């Protein structure tokens, strides 16, 4: 099974922000987005779609 994580250095919910990374996963940093903005950001959505089809 493959895993992908998305994280933002501006996430106010996750501390430290780099802790979202998983060993063996593709860990992708996003633009400076707040936690809930990760759900609606068009660039993140496109990257999720790309990860699902890879």
PDB file of N, CA and C in Angstrom:
ATOM      1  N   UNK A   1       0.849  -1.179   0.000  1.00  0.00           N
ATOM      2  CA  UNK A   1       0.000   0.000   0.000  1.00  0.00           C
ATOM      3  C   UNK A   1       0.893   1.239   0.000  1.00  0.00           C
ATOM      4  N   UNK A   2       0.516   2.249  -0.781  1.00  0.00           N
ATOM      5  CA  UNK A   2       1.270   3.504  -0.844  1.00  0.00           C
ATOM      6  C   UNK A   2       0.553   4.571  -0.026  1.00  0.00           C
ATOM      7  N   UNK A   3       1.320   5.477   0.524  1.00  0.00           N
ATOM      8  CA  UNK A   3       0.782   6.581   1.308  1.00  0.00           C
ATOM      9  C   UNK A   3       1.335   7.900   0.802  1.00  0.00           C
ATOM     10  N   UNK A   4       0.513   8.937   0.875  1.00  0.00           N
ATOM     11  CA  UNK A   4       0.940  10.301   0.567  1.00  0.00           C
ATOM     12  C   UNK A   4       0.422  11.202   1.667  1.00  0.00           C
ATOM     13  N   UNK A   5       1.265  12.093   2.158  1.00  0.00           N
ATOM     14  CA  UNK A   5       0.814  13.090   3.129  1.00  0.00           C
ATOM     15  C   UNK A   5       0.997  14.477   2.528  1.00  0.00           C
ATOM     16  N   UNK A   6       0.185  15.392   2.981  1.00  0.00           N
ATOM     17  CA  UNK A   6       0.282  16.794   2.593  1.00  0.00           C
ATOM     18  C   UNK A   6       0.397  17.602   3.872  1.00  0.00           C
ATOM     19  N   UNK A   7       1.328  18.547   3.873  1.00  0.00           N
ATOM     20  CA  UNK A   7       1.520  19.358   5.072  1.00  0.00           C
ATOM     21  C   UNK A   7       1.874  20.779   4.697  1.00  0.00           C
ATOM     22  N   UNK A   8       1.571  21.672   5.608  1.00  0.00           N
ATOM     23  CA  UNK A   8       1.851  23.088   5.425  1.00  0.00           C
ATOM     24  C   UNK A   8       2.636  23.606   6.625  1.00  0.00           C
ATOM     25  N   UNK A   9       3.627  24.416   6.355  1.00  0.00           N
ATOM     26  CA  UNK A   9       4.400  25.027   7.435  1.00  0.00           C
ATOM     27  C   UNK A   9       3.557  26.020   8.233  1.00  0.00           C
ATOM     28  N   UNK A  10       2.406  26.404   7.705  1.00  0.00           N
ATOM     29  CA  UNK A  10       1.529  27.377   8.369  1.00  0.00           C
ATOM     30  C   UNK A  10       0.343  26.718   9.069  1.00  0.00           C
ATOM     31  N   UNK A  11       0.342  25.408   9.170  1.00  0.00           N
ATOM     32  CA  UNK A  11      -0.748  24.679   9.828  1.00  0.00           C
ATOM     33  C   UNK A  11      -0.742  25.021  11.313  1.00  0.00           C
ATOM     34  N   UNK A  12      -1.850  25.533  11.820  1.00  0.00           N
ATOM     35  CA  UNK A  12      -1.936  25.925  13.232  1.00  0.00           C
ATOM     36  C   UNK A  12      -2.438  24.791  14.126  1.00  0.00           C
ATOM     37  N   UNK A  13      -2.820  23.654  13.552  1.00  0.00           N
ATOM     38  CA  UNK A  13      -3.346  22.528  14.329  1.00  0.00           C
ATOM     39  C   UNK A  13      -2.282  21.475  14.640  1.00  0.00           C
ATOM     40  N   UNK A  14      -1.329  21.327  13.740  1.00  0.00           N
ATOM     41  CA  UNK A  14      -0.305  20.294  13.874  1.00  0.00           C
ATOM     42  C   UNK A  14       1.007  20.934  14.319  1.00  0.00           C
ATOM     43  N   UNK A  15       1.547  20.451  15.437  1.00  0.00           N
ATOM     44  CA  UNK A  15       2.804  21.001  15.933  1.00  0.00           C
ATOM     45  C   UNK A  15       3.686  19.854  16.415  1.00  0.00           C
ATOM     46  N   UNK A  16       4.884  19.767  15.951  1.00  0.00           N
ATOM     47  CA  UNK A  16       5.472  20.597  14.904  1.00  0.00           C
ATOM     48  C   UNK A  16       4.911  20.215  13.540  1.00  0.00           C
ATOM     49  N   UNK A  17       4.913  21.162  12.632  1.00  0.00           N
ATOM     50  CA  UNK A  17       4.278  20.936  11.330  1.00  0.00           C
ATOM     51  C   UNK A  17       4.935  19.808  10.551  1.00  0.00           C
ATOM     52  N   UNK A  18       6.202  19.601  10.729  1.00  0.00           N
ATOM     53  CA  UNK A  18       6.888  18.526  10.027  1.00  0.00           C
ATOM     54  C   UNK A  18       6.560  17.135  10.536  1.00  0.00           C
ATOM     55  N   UNK A  19       5.796  17.032  11.607  1.00  0.00           N
ATOM     56  CA  UNK A  19       5.485  15.721  12.193  1.00  0.00           C
ATOM     57  C   UNK A  19       4.460  14.933  11.379  1.00  0.00           C
ATOM     58  N   UNK A  20       3.899  15.526  10.338  1.00  0.00           N
ATOM     59  CA  UNK A  20       2.916  14.794   9.525  1.00  0.00           C
ATOM     60  C   UNK A  20       3.577  13.779   8.607  1.00  0.00           C
ATOM     61  N   UNK A  21       4.864  13.887   8.408  1.00  0.00           N
ATOM     62  CA  UNK A  21       5.554  12.969   7.513  1.00  0.00           C
ATOM     63  C   UNK A  21       5.534  11.544   8.026  1.00  0.00           C
ATOM     64  N   UNK A  22       5.384  10.602   7.101  1.00  0.00           N
ATOM     65  CA  UNK A  22       5.391   9.182   7.431  1.00  0.00           C
ATOM     66  C   UNK A  22       6.572   8.522   6.738  1.00  0.00           C
ATOM     67  N   UNK A  23       7.271   7.667   7.454  1.00  0.00           N
ATOM     68  CA  UNK A  23       8.379   6.924   6.860  1.00  0.00           C
ATOM     69  C   UNK A  23       7.846   6.074   5.716  1.00  0.00           C
ATOM     70  N   UNK A  24       8.493   6.141   4.567  1.00  0.00           N
ATOM     71  CA  UNK A  24       8.088   5.354   3.415  1.00  0.00           C
ATOM     72  C   UNK A  24       6.991   5.976   2.572  1.00  0.00           C
ATOM     73  N   UNK A  25       6.441   7.098   3.018  1.00  0.00           N
ATOM     74  CA  UNK A  25       5.371   7.771   2.280  1.00  0.00           C
ATOM     75  C   UNK A  25       5.946   8.866   1.402  1.00  0.00           C
ATOM     76  N   UNK A  26       5.131   9.326   0.461  1.00  0.00           N
ATOM     77  CA  UNK A  26       5.450  10.531  -0.291  1.00  0.00           C
ATOM     78  C   UNK A  26       4.905  11.676   0.551  1.00  0.00           C
ATOM     79  N   UNK A  27       5.772  12.489   1.117  1.00  0.00           N
ATOM     80  CA  UNK A  27       5.390  13.579   2.011  1.00  0.00           C
ATOM     81  C   UNK A  27       5.537  14.897   1.266  1.00  0.00           C
ATOM     82  N   UNK A  28       4.421  15.537   0.950  1.00  0.00           N
ATOM     83  CA  UNK A  28       4.420  16.721   0.101  1.00  0.00           C
ATOM     84  C   UNK A  28       4.073  17.976   0.887  1.00  0.00           C
ATOM     85  N   UNK A  29       4.950  18.955   0.817  1.00  0.00           N
ATOM     86  CA  UNK A  29       4.668  20.245   1.444  1.00  0.00           C
ATOM     87  C   UNK A  29       3.813  21.080   0.508  1.00  0.00           C
ATOM     88  N   UNK A  30       2.831  21.774   1.058  1.00  0.00           N
ATOM     89  CA  UNK A  30       1.959  22.649   0.291  1.00  0.00           C
ATOM     90  C   UNK A  30       2.392  24.096   0.488  1.00  0.00           C
ATOM     91  N   UNK A  31       1.665  24.999  -0.145  1.00  0.00           N
ATOM     92  CA  UNK A  31       1.863  26.414   0.119  1.00  0.00           C
ATOM     93  C   UNK A  31       1.513  26.701   1.577  1.00  0.00           C
ATOM     94  N   UNK A  32       1.698  27.918   2.003  1.00  0.00           N
ATOM     95  CA  UNK A  32       1.398  28.329   3.376  1.00  0.00           C
ATOM     96  C   UNK A  32      -0.119  28.351   3.570  1.00  0.00           C
ATOM     97  N   UNK A  33      -0.659  27.238   4.082  1.00  0.00           N
ATOM     98  CA  UNK A  33      -2.100  27.086   4.261  1.00  0.00           C
ATOM     99  C   UNK A  33      -2.414  26.733   5.708  1.00  0.00           C
ATOM    100  N   UNK A  34      -3.504  27.252   6.202  1.00  0.00           N
ATOM    101  CA  UNK A  34      -4.000  26.847   7.511  1.00  0.00           C
ATOM    102  C   UNK A  34      -4.574  25.436   7.385  1.00  0.00           C
ATOM    103  N   UNK A  35      -4.792  24.774   8.499  1.00  0.00           N
ATOM    104  CA  UNK A  35      -5.186  23.369   8.529  1.00  0.00           C
ATOM    105  C   UNK A  35      -6.416  23.083   7.650  1.00  0.00           C
ATOM    106  N   UNK A  36      -7.509  23.765   7.880  1.00  0.00           N
ATOM    107  CA  UNK A  36      -8.732  23.479   7.127  1.00  0.00           C
ATOM    108  C   UNK A  36      -8.652  23.929   5.674  1.00  0.00           C
ATOM    109  N   UNK A  37      -7.774  24.860   5.362  1.00  0.00           N
ATOM    110  CA  UNK A  37      -7.612  25.304   3.984  1.00  0.00           C
ATOM    111  C   UNK A  37      -7.029  24.200   3.107  1.00  0.00           C
ATOM    112  N   UNK A  38      -6.359  23.231   3.716  1.00  0.00           N
ATOM    113  CA  UNK A  38      -5.845  22.098   2.946  1.00  0.00           C
ATOM    114  C   UNK A  38      -6.984  21.352   2.244  1.00  0.00           C
ATOM    115  N   UNK A  39      -8.169  21.386   2.810  1.00  0.00           N
ATOM    116  CA  UNK A  39      -9.317  20.657   2.254  1.00  0.00           C
ATOM    117  C   UNK A  39      -9.896  21.305   1.008  1.00  0.00           C
ATOM    118  N   UNK A  40      -9.740  22.604   0.865  1.00  0.00           N
ATOM    119  CA  UNK A  40     -10.416  23.320  -0.225  1.00  0.00           C
ATOM    120  C   UNK A  40      -9.467  23.990  -1.211  1.00  0.00           C
ATOM    121  N   UNK A  41      -8.178  23.894  -0.982  1.00  0.00           N
ATOM    122  CA  UNK A  41      -7.213  24.540  -1.861  1.00  0.00           C
ATOM    123  C   UNK A  41      -7.140  23.817  -3.208  1.00  0.00           C
ATOM    124  N   UNK A  42      -7.360  24.528  -4.324  1.00  0.00           N
ATOM    125  CA  UNK A  42      -7.342  23.878  -5.646  1.00  0.00           C
ATOM    126  C   UNK A  42      -6.016  23.197  -5.972  1.00  0.00           C
ATOM    127  N   UNK A  43      -4.903  23.769  -5.557  1.00  0.00           N
ATOM    128  CA  UNK A  43      -3.604  23.151  -5.840  1.00  0.00           C
ATOM    129  C   UNK A  43      -3.444  21.839  -5.078  1.00  0.00           C
ATOM    130  N   UNK A  44      -3.884  21.811  -3.828  1.00  0.00           N
ATOM    131  CA  UNK A  44      -3.816  20.583  -3.047  1.00  0.00           C
ATOM    132  C   UNK A  44      -4.758  19.544  -3.644  1.00  0.00           C
ATOM    133  N   UNK A  45      -5.945  19.956  -4.043  1.00  0.00           N
ATOM    134  CA  UNK A  45      -6.897  19.028  -4.667  1.00  0.00           C
ATOM    135  C   UNK A  45      -6.305  18.398  -5.922  1.00  0.00           C
ATOM    136  N   UNK A  46      -5.619  19.190  -6.727  1.00  0.00           N
ATOM    137  CA  UNK A  46      -5.002  18.662  -7.944  1.00  0.00           C
ATOM    138  C   UNK A  46      -3.899  17.663  -7.604  1.00  0.00           C
ATOM    139  N   UNK A  47      -3.148  17.944  -6.562  1.00  0.00           N
ATOM    140  CA  UNK A  47      -2.084  17.037  -6.158  1.00  0.00           C
ATOM    141  C   UNK A  47      -2.641  15.747  -5.572  1.00  0.00           C
ATOM    142  N   UNK A  48      -3.773  15.828  -4.883  1.00  0.00           N
ATOM    143  CA  UNK A  48      -4.434  14.617  -4.376  1.00  0.00           C
ATOM    144  C   UNK A  48      -4.902  13.764  -5.548  1.00  0.00           C
ATOM    145  N   UNK A  49      -5.537  14.398  -6.540  1.00  0.00           N
ATOM    146  CA  UNK A  49      -5.987  13.652  -7.724  1.00  0.00           C
ATOM    147  C   UNK A  49      -4.798  12.985  -8.425  1.00  0.00           C
ATOM    148  N   UNK A  50      -3.689  13.699  -8.551  1.00  0.00           N
ATOM    149  CA  UNK A  50      -2.498  13.143  -9.194  1.00  0.00           C
ATOM    150  C   UNK A  50      -1.953  11.952  -8.397  1.00  0.00           C
ATOM    151  N   UNK A  51      -1.956  12.057  -7.073  1.00  0.00           N
ATOM    152  CA  UNK A  51      -1.473  10.955  -6.229  1.00  0.00           C
ATOM    153  C   UNK A  51      -2.372   9.731  -6.369  1.00  0.00           C
ATOM    154  N   UNK A  52      -3.673   9.959  -6.494  1.00  0.00           N
ATOM    155  CA  UNK A  52      -4.606   8.837  -6.608  1.00  0.00           C
ATOM    156  C   UNK A  52      -4.514   8.130  -7.950  1.00  0.00           C
ATOM    157  N   UNK A  53      -4.115   8.847  -8.977  1.00  0.00           N
ATOM    158  CA  UNK A  53      -4.045   8.239 -10.300  1.00  0.00           C
ATOM    159  C   UNK A  53      -2.644   7.734 -10.651  1.00  0.00           C
ATOM    160  N   UNK A  54      -1.674   7.985  -9.791  1.00  0.00           N
ATOM    161  CA  UNK A  54      -0.284   7.563 -10.075  1.00  0.00           C
ATOM    162  C   UNK A  54      -0.110   6.073  -9.852  1.00  0.00           C
TER     163      UNK A  54
END
